[in-house]
Protein backbone atom coordinates (compact mmCIF):
# COMPACT_ATOMS: atom_id res chain seq x y z
CA MET A 1 1.37 33.19 -1.05
CA ALA A 2 -1.39 31.44 0.82
CA ILE A 3 -1.06 27.78 1.60
CA PHE A 4 -4.40 26.17 0.91
CA PRO A 5 -5.71 23.62 3.44
CA GLU A 6 -5.97 20.90 0.81
CA THR A 7 -2.30 21.38 -0.07
CA ARG A 8 -1.28 21.15 3.55
CA THR A 9 -3.01 17.81 3.94
CA ALA A 10 -0.74 16.40 1.23
CA GLU A 11 1.02 14.60 4.06
CA PRO A 12 -1.77 13.18 6.24
CA LEU A 13 0.05 13.86 9.50
CA PRO A 14 -1.34 15.96 12.35
CA VAL A 15 0.25 19.19 13.50
CA ILE A 16 2.40 18.18 16.47
CA ALA A 17 3.80 21.61 17.26
CA ARG A 18 3.41 25.11 15.91
CA LEU A 19 6.01 26.34 13.46
CA PRO A 20 8.83 28.38 14.97
CA HIS A 21 9.41 31.91 13.66
CA ARG A 22 11.90 31.94 10.77
CA THR A 23 13.73 34.86 9.22
CA GLY A 24 16.66 35.38 6.86
CA MET A 25 18.86 32.34 6.54
CA GLN A 26 16.38 30.20 8.51
CA GLU A 27 13.72 30.93 5.89
CA GLY A 28 16.14 29.79 3.18
CA VAL A 29 16.84 26.57 5.06
CA ARG A 30 13.08 25.97 5.40
CA ARG A 31 12.74 25.73 1.63
CA LEU A 32 15.15 22.79 1.47
CA PRO A 33 13.66 19.30 1.68
CA SER A 34 13.43 18.28 5.33
CA LEU A 35 13.55 14.74 6.71
CA ARG A 36 11.62 15.78 9.81
CA HIS A 37 8.26 15.44 8.11
CA ILE A 38 8.97 12.37 5.95
CA GLY A 39 6.55 9.95 7.58
CA PRO A 40 5.99 6.23 7.00
CA ASN A 41 3.19 7.12 4.55
CA TRP A 42 5.89 7.77 1.94
CA TYR A 43 6.36 4.01 1.54
CA ALA A 44 3.00 4.04 -0.27
CA SER A 45 4.75 5.53 -3.31
CA VAL A 46 7.10 2.53 -3.35
CA MET A 47 4.23 0.07 -3.07
CA GLY A 48 2.24 1.83 -5.76
CA THR A 49 5.18 1.78 -8.17
CA ALA A 50 6.19 -1.85 -7.59
CA ILE A 51 2.64 -3.11 -8.12
CA VAL A 52 2.54 -1.50 -11.57
CA ALA A 53 5.44 -3.76 -12.57
CA SER A 54 4.22 -6.98 -10.96
CA ALA A 55 0.59 -6.51 -12.01
CA GLY A 56 1.65 -5.84 -15.59
CA ALA A 57 3.67 -9.04 -15.61
CA ALA A 58 0.70 -10.98 -14.21
CA LEU A 59 -1.77 -9.92 -16.91
CA PRO A 60 -3.06 -12.95 -18.86
CA VAL A 61 -2.58 -11.13 -22.19
CA ASP A 62 0.44 -10.53 -24.37
CA VAL A 63 0.96 -6.82 -25.00
CA PRO A 64 4.02 -5.87 -27.08
CA GLY A 65 6.49 -3.83 -25.06
CA LEU A 66 4.65 -4.29 -21.76
CA ARG A 67 7.32 -6.54 -20.26
CA GLY A 68 10.05 -4.02 -21.01
CA ALA A 69 8.01 -1.18 -19.55
CA CYS A 70 7.37 -3.22 -16.41
CA THR A 71 11.10 -3.81 -16.07
CA VAL A 72 11.74 -0.06 -16.13
CA VAL A 73 9.05 0.51 -13.50
CA TRP A 74 10.53 -2.26 -11.33
CA ALA A 75 13.94 -0.56 -11.47
CA LEU A 76 12.28 2.73 -10.47
CA SER A 77 10.56 1.03 -7.53
CA ALA A 78 13.89 -0.36 -6.34
CA VAL A 79 15.45 3.11 -6.48
CA LEU A 80 12.44 4.57 -4.66
CA LEU A 81 12.70 1.93 -1.95
CA ALA A 82 16.36 2.74 -1.36
CA THR A 83 15.61 6.47 -1.34
CA VAL A 84 12.70 6.29 1.11
CA LEU A 85 14.55 3.83 3.37
CA THR A 86 17.48 6.27 3.51
CA ALA A 87 15.20 9.24 4.19
CA ARG A 88 13.35 7.36 6.92
CA ALA A 89 16.63 6.26 8.50
CA GLY A 90 17.69 9.90 8.57
CA HIS A 91 14.33 10.80 10.07
CA TRP A 92 14.82 8.36 12.94
CA LEU A 93 18.45 9.38 13.40
CA HIS A 94 17.97 13.15 13.48
CA HIS A 95 14.33 13.57 14.49
CA ARG A 96 13.63 10.90 17.06
CA ASP A 97 11.12 13.06 18.89
CA GLN A 98 9.01 13.33 15.76
CA ALA A 99 9.42 9.63 15.01
CA ARG A 100 8.18 8.72 18.49
CA ALA A 101 5.31 11.18 18.11
CA HIS A 102 4.34 9.42 14.86
CA LEU A 103 4.15 6.06 16.65
CA LEU A 104 1.88 7.55 19.30
CA ASP A 105 -0.39 9.26 16.76
CA PRO A 106 -3.38 7.09 15.72
CA ALA A 107 -3.46 8.86 12.34
CA VAL A 108 0.16 7.99 11.54
CA ALA A 109 1.11 4.74 13.30
CA PRO A 110 -0.90 2.47 10.93
CA PHE A 111 1.31 3.62 8.05
CA TYR A 112 4.13 1.51 9.48
CA GLY A 113 2.41 -1.36 7.69
CA CYS A 114 3.46 0.34 4.47
CA LEU A 115 7.13 -0.32 5.26
CA ALA A 116 6.50 -4.07 5.27
CA MET A 117 4.43 -3.95 2.09
CA ALA A 118 7.02 -1.81 0.29
CA LEU A 119 9.74 -4.37 1.05
CA LEU A 120 7.50 -7.26 -0.01
CA ALA A 121 6.22 -5.55 -3.17
CA VAL A 122 9.69 -4.70 -4.46
CA GLY A 123 10.92 -8.18 -3.57
CA GLY A 124 8.11 -9.86 -5.48
CA ALA A 125 8.59 -7.57 -8.48
CA THR A 126 12.30 -8.36 -8.44
CA LEU A 127 11.61 -12.08 -8.74
CA THR A 128 8.88 -11.79 -11.38
CA VAL A 129 10.27 -8.92 -13.47
CA GLY A 130 13.75 -8.00 -12.28
CA ALA A 131 15.04 -11.49 -13.02
CA ASP A 132 15.08 -10.48 -16.69
CA VAL A 133 17.83 -8.00 -15.83
CA ILE A 134 19.82 -9.39 -12.90
CA GLY A 135 19.22 -13.10 -13.42
CA VAL A 136 17.03 -15.58 -11.55
CA ARG A 137 19.60 -16.44 -8.91
CA ALA A 138 20.28 -12.84 -7.89
CA ALA A 139 16.58 -11.97 -8.08
CA LEU A 140 15.74 -14.90 -5.83
CA ALA A 141 18.37 -13.83 -3.29
CA VAL A 142 17.02 -10.27 -3.23
CA ASP A 143 13.45 -11.50 -2.88
CA VAL A 144 14.32 -13.82 0.01
CA VAL A 145 16.00 -10.98 1.93
CA LEU A 146 13.13 -8.56 1.32
CA PHE A 147 10.51 -11.24 2.04
CA VAL A 148 12.04 -12.16 5.39
CA ALA A 149 12.48 -8.50 6.38
CA GLY A 150 9.03 -7.47 5.15
CA THR A 151 7.29 -10.40 6.81
CA ALA A 152 9.02 -9.74 10.14
CA VAL A 153 8.13 -6.03 10.04
CA GLY A 154 4.57 -6.81 8.94
CA LEU A 155 3.91 -9.30 11.73
CA VAL A 156 5.33 -6.90 14.31
CA ALA A 157 3.21 -4.03 12.95
CA ALA A 158 0.09 -6.23 12.95
CA VAL A 159 0.53 -6.69 16.70
CA VAL A 160 2.13 -3.44 17.85
CA VAL A 161 -0.15 -0.97 16.06
CA PRO A 162 -3.42 -2.48 17.38
CA TYR A 163 -1.78 -2.71 20.83
CA LEU A 164 -0.91 0.98 20.73
CA MET A 165 -4.43 1.82 19.56
CA VAL A 166 -5.88 0.09 22.61
CA VAL A 167 -3.31 1.14 25.22
CA ARG A 168 -2.01 4.54 24.08
CA HIS A 169 -3.93 5.98 21.14
CA ARG A 170 -7.51 5.71 22.41
CA PRO A 171 -9.12 7.06 19.18
CA ALA A 172 -12.39 8.89 19.68
CA PRO A 173 -15.70 7.27 18.66
CA GLY A 174 -16.51 7.77 15.01
CA THR A 175 -12.89 8.16 13.92
CA ALA A 176 -12.42 4.70 12.38
CA SER A 177 -10.45 5.05 9.15
CA PRO A 178 -9.54 2.72 6.26
CA VAL A 179 -5.94 3.54 7.23
CA TRP A 180 -6.41 1.17 10.17
CA LEU A 181 -6.29 -1.70 7.67
CA LEU A 182 -2.70 -1.00 6.60
CA PRO A 183 -0.83 -2.98 9.29
CA LEU A 184 -3.36 -5.80 8.95
CA VAL A 185 -2.93 -6.21 5.18
CA ALA A 186 0.86 -6.65 5.39
CA PRO A 187 0.70 -10.36 6.40
CA MET A 188 -1.64 -10.96 3.45
CA VAL A 189 1.00 -9.50 1.14
CA SER A 190 3.50 -11.89 2.75
CA ALA A 191 1.12 -14.77 2.02
CA SER A 192 0.96 -13.95 -1.68
CA GLN A 193 4.67 -13.19 -2.03
CA GLY A 194 5.65 -16.27 -0.04
CA ALA A 195 3.77 -18.41 -2.53
CA LEU A 196 6.27 -17.30 -5.19
CA LEU A 197 9.10 -18.73 -3.09
CA VAL A 198 7.49 -22.11 -2.34
CA PRO A 199 8.55 -23.76 -5.64
CA HIS A 200 12.17 -22.69 -5.03
CA LEU A 201 12.40 -24.82 -1.87
CA ALA A 202 13.31 -28.48 -1.98
CA ALA A 203 10.36 -30.85 -1.69
CA GLY A 204 9.64 -31.86 1.87
CA GLN A 205 9.08 -30.26 5.25
CA ALA A 206 10.48 -26.84 4.39
CA ARG A 207 8.30 -26.36 1.31
CA GLU A 208 5.15 -27.52 3.09
CA ALA A 209 5.93 -25.40 6.14
CA LEU A 210 6.28 -22.25 4.05
CA LEU A 211 3.04 -22.98 2.19
CA LEU A 212 1.08 -23.52 5.41
CA ALA A 213 2.71 -20.46 7.00
CA CYS A 214 1.42 -18.42 4.06
CA TYR A 215 -2.07 -19.81 4.61
CA ALA A 216 -1.76 -18.90 8.30
CA MET A 217 -0.84 -15.32 7.42
CA PHE A 218 -3.72 -15.29 4.96
CA GLY A 219 -6.10 -16.23 7.77
CA LEU A 220 -4.52 -13.81 10.22
CA SER A 221 -5.00 -10.88 7.87
CA LEU A 222 -8.45 -11.91 6.66
CA LEU A 223 -9.97 -12.31 10.12
CA ALA A 224 -8.40 -9.09 11.38
CA THR A 225 -9.83 -7.26 8.35
CA LEU A 226 -13.28 -8.66 9.12
CA VAL A 227 -13.00 -7.10 12.59
CA VAL A 228 -11.98 -3.63 11.36
CA LEU A 229 -14.01 -3.25 8.15
CA PRO A 230 -17.40 -3.04 9.93
CA LEU A 231 -16.01 -0.19 12.06
CA VAL A 232 -15.04 1.72 8.93
CA PHE A 233 -18.44 1.28 7.28
CA ALA A 234 -20.23 2.17 10.52
CA ARG A 235 -18.19 5.37 10.70
CA LEU A 236 -19.31 6.30 7.17
CA VAL A 237 -22.96 5.54 7.84
CA HIS A 238 -23.22 7.29 11.21
CA HIS A 239 -20.80 10.19 10.72
CA GLY A 240 -20.94 10.91 7.00
CA PRO A 241 -18.20 11.10 4.34
CA LEU A 242 -14.54 11.29 5.23
CA PRO A 243 -12.73 14.65 5.04
CA LEU A 244 -11.89 15.53 1.44
CA ALA A 245 -8.17 14.79 1.67
CA LEU A 246 -8.84 11.39 3.26
CA THR A 247 -11.53 10.28 0.80
CA PRO A 248 -9.04 8.40 -1.44
CA THR A 249 -8.22 6.14 1.55
CA LEU A 250 -11.54 4.40 0.89
CA PHE A 251 -9.64 2.57 -1.87
CA LEU A 252 -7.49 0.97 0.85
CA VAL A 253 -10.36 -1.43 1.54
CA LEU A 254 -9.64 -2.97 -1.85
CA GLY A 255 -6.21 -3.99 -0.53
CA PRO A 256 -7.22 -6.94 1.68
CA LEU A 257 -9.89 -7.97 -0.85
CA GLY A 258 -7.66 -7.99 -3.91
CA GLN A 259 -4.59 -9.20 -2.04
CA SER A 260 -6.43 -12.13 -0.46
CA THR A 261 -7.75 -13.16 -3.88
CA THR A 262 -4.22 -12.90 -5.23
CA ALA A 263 -2.88 -14.94 -2.32
CA VAL A 264 -5.28 -17.88 -2.68
CA ASN A 265 -4.61 -18.10 -6.41
CA GLN A 266 -0.83 -17.96 -6.04
CA LEU A 267 -0.96 -20.46 -3.19
CA ALA A 268 -3.06 -22.70 -5.40
CA ASP A 269 -0.30 -22.56 -8.02
CA ALA A 270 2.31 -23.49 -5.42
CA ALA A 271 0.31 -26.13 -3.54
CA PRO A 272 0.64 -29.14 -5.91
CA GLY A 273 4.37 -29.39 -5.27
CA ALA A 274 3.98 -29.08 -1.50
CA VAL A 275 0.79 -30.87 -0.43
CA ALA A 276 -1.37 -33.57 -1.95
CA GLY A 277 -4.89 -33.01 -3.26
CA PRO A 278 -6.62 -30.47 -5.54
CA TYR A 279 -8.17 -28.53 -2.66
CA ALA A 280 -6.09 -25.38 -3.03
CA SER A 281 -7.21 -24.70 -6.59
CA ALA A 282 -10.88 -25.23 -5.75
CA PHE A 283 -10.60 -22.97 -2.71
CA ALA A 284 -8.96 -20.25 -4.82
CA VAL A 285 -11.98 -20.06 -7.12
CA LEU A 286 -14.65 -20.55 -4.44
CA TYR A 287 -13.11 -17.83 -2.28
CA GLY A 288 -11.78 -15.51 -4.94
CA VAL A 289 -14.88 -15.03 -7.08
CA PRO A 290 -17.23 -13.86 -4.27
CA VAL A 291 -14.54 -11.64 -2.76
CA MET A 292 -13.78 -10.09 -6.14
CA GLY A 293 -17.47 -9.37 -6.48
CA PHE A 294 -17.46 -7.51 -3.17
CA ALA A 295 -14.28 -5.70 -4.23
CA LEU A 296 -16.05 -4.39 -7.33
CA LEU A 297 -18.99 -3.25 -5.18
CA TRP A 298 -16.64 -1.37 -2.86
CA LEU A 299 -14.74 0.05 -5.85
CA ALA A 300 -17.98 1.55 -7.16
CA LEU A 301 -18.83 3.00 -3.73
CA ALA A 302 -15.34 4.41 -3.22
CA ALA A 303 -15.26 5.89 -6.73
CA ALA A 304 -18.60 7.61 -6.14
CA MET A 305 -17.30 9.09 -2.88
CA VAL A 306 -14.14 10.31 -4.62
CA LEU A 307 -16.15 11.96 -7.40
CA ARG A 308 -18.26 13.68 -4.73
CA ALA A 309 -15.11 14.88 -2.96
CA ALA A 310 -13.68 16.15 -6.27
CA ARG A 311 -16.82 18.19 -6.88
CA HIS A 312 -16.38 19.70 -3.40
CA GLY A 313 -12.80 20.77 -4.13
CA MET A 314 -10.61 17.81 -3.16
CA GLY A 315 -6.99 18.69 -3.94
CA PHE A 316 -3.92 16.51 -4.27
CA ALA A 317 -2.70 14.70 -1.18
CA MET A 318 -0.35 11.79 -0.56
CA THR A 319 -3.53 9.80 0.05
CA TRP A 320 -3.89 9.67 -3.75
CA TRP A 321 -1.40 6.77 -3.66
CA ALA A 322 -4.33 4.75 -2.31
CA PHE A 323 -5.52 4.64 -5.94
CA THR A 324 -2.51 2.47 -6.87
CA PHE A 325 -1.49 -0.50 -4.72
CA PRO A 326 -5.02 -1.60 -3.65
CA VAL A 327 -6.20 -1.49 -7.27
CA GLY A 328 -3.07 -3.36 -8.30
CA THR A 329 -3.95 -6.20 -5.93
CA CYS A 330 -7.33 -6.44 -7.65
CA VAL A 331 -5.50 -6.69 -10.98
CA THR A 332 -3.39 -9.61 -9.78
CA GLY A 333 -6.43 -11.18 -8.10
CA ALA A 334 -8.52 -10.99 -11.27
CA ALA A 335 -5.58 -12.29 -13.31
CA GLY A 336 -5.23 -15.27 -10.97
CA LEU A 337 -8.93 -16.07 -11.28
CA ALA A 338 -8.71 -15.78 -15.05
CA ARG A 339 -5.80 -18.21 -14.98
CA HIS A 340 -7.73 -20.79 -12.93
CA THR A 341 -11.12 -20.44 -14.61
CA GLY A 342 -10.21 -19.57 -18.19
CA LEU A 343 -12.94 -16.92 -18.31
CA ASP A 344 -12.33 -14.10 -20.79
CA ALA A 345 -14.48 -11.77 -18.68
CA LEU A 346 -11.97 -11.99 -15.83
CA THR A 347 -9.12 -11.36 -18.27
CA TRP A 348 -10.73 -8.14 -19.46
CA LEU A 349 -11.51 -7.16 -15.88
CA ALA A 350 -7.81 -7.46 -15.06
CA VAL A 351 -6.88 -5.43 -18.14
CA GLY A 352 -9.41 -2.70 -17.36
CA LEU A 353 -8.25 -2.40 -13.76
CA TYR A 354 -4.63 -2.29 -14.93
CA VAL A 355 -5.36 0.63 -17.25
CA PHE A 356 -6.87 2.49 -14.30
CA LEU A 357 -3.85 1.56 -12.16
CA VAL A 358 -1.36 2.96 -14.67
CA MET A 359 -3.32 6.19 -15.06
CA ALA A 360 -3.56 6.64 -11.29
CA TRP A 361 0.16 5.91 -10.88
CA VAL A 362 1.14 8.48 -13.51
CA VAL A 363 -1.02 11.18 -11.93
CA ALA A 364 0.01 10.45 -8.33
CA GLY A 365 3.66 10.19 -9.32
CA ALA A 366 3.69 13.46 -11.26
CA ARG A 367 1.90 15.35 -8.50
CA THR A 368 4.24 13.90 -5.87
CA VAL A 369 7.34 14.93 -7.81
CA GLY A 370 5.89 18.40 -8.17
CA GLY A 371 5.16 18.55 -4.44
CA VAL A 372 8.70 17.47 -3.55
CA VAL A 373 10.28 19.98 -5.94
CA SER A 374 8.12 22.82 -4.60
CA GLY A 375 8.69 21.72 -1.01
CA ALA A 376 4.96 21.45 -0.29
CA LEU A 377 5.22 17.77 0.66
CA THR A 378 8.34 18.03 2.81
CA ALA A 379 7.54 21.21 4.75
CA ALA A 380 6.02 21.18 8.21
CA PRO A 381 2.22 21.09 8.34
CA VAL A 382 0.85 24.58 8.97
CA PRO A 383 -1.42 25.00 12.00
CA PRO A 384 -4.96 26.10 11.07
CA GLY A 385 -4.44 29.50 12.69
CA ALA A 386 -1.27 30.14 10.73
CA ALA A 387 -2.92 29.10 7.46
CA THR A 388 -5.79 31.51 8.13
CA ALA A 389 -3.38 34.34 8.88
CA ARG A 390 -1.52 33.81 5.61
CA THR A 391 -4.66 34.01 3.53
CA ARG A 392 -5.50 37.50 4.83
């Protein structure tokens, strides 16, 4: 059976080496799930699942049964995190050559930011939703561990990935991608998740230090995003639309926009117990409303580009997970603004975005499960020449 190009881009990783010839028993082994081609992009499924739980809990409306459903999704995200962490550990243990090749590939290295965000997203969901099941004390302990680990990984990725891009990757002109934002958004996720931990610290130096550290990570991520985003838009204007399979990555731009809005609102909630003055709440509204406006503009642009790609035959790819976490950050950002302004319009915006988030999560999740069962998402990418030969 032919392997269609759109199916083979389900894992957005380049072909590093041609497939070896397989016969008999080797062909049977090939059908089994392989850890060799489980890249860091798989953490996006963890992020996209955890945000469904935490965004649902953040909605400023009371929907019967929603809390229980969010708890189930949180548990699923925790299982997914453990599964992907185990698979990635096996990848590094048994396929170090491929793992090193991923780090040196400009199309793959930015996905290491997803590891940090997966840890942080599950940690935050554990504290906000999982506490209903395991208790506040245990949930807090889990969140602290995941927050520290995720923040450390995120800060390292925010430095190492850009360093590799300058020193080793040397991407060609016109190849800027929204994927480049991934390692830069991770500290912003730390800023928003750290705000949840501020009230659990004793009043004094420690609480204020954590709050200001979160603001520092907010600034780090925001300014870095302002450097990269113009490159992405310039690439679109001067070189045309992204390849079909990569078109969903345009939604990644919503990540720093929605997450920064979420961060300033959550930091505003935490600030009164750590620093004096009402400045944090005012800043949350003055920053969040304009940024949310730009997020909606980009959402419309990205949606139009996705519809165009769909008309041109865009098939399923792991990039479809970009429809989940970035949109989820806009849900939590809109919910935070609704909380601080009391505007019903922002409440309904959060609800509408959450409906889209759930629909996107269901579709991406179902297609991913199908791809894993069939082996399409765990098999080696087929070189263009091999794919052409099979279609004859």
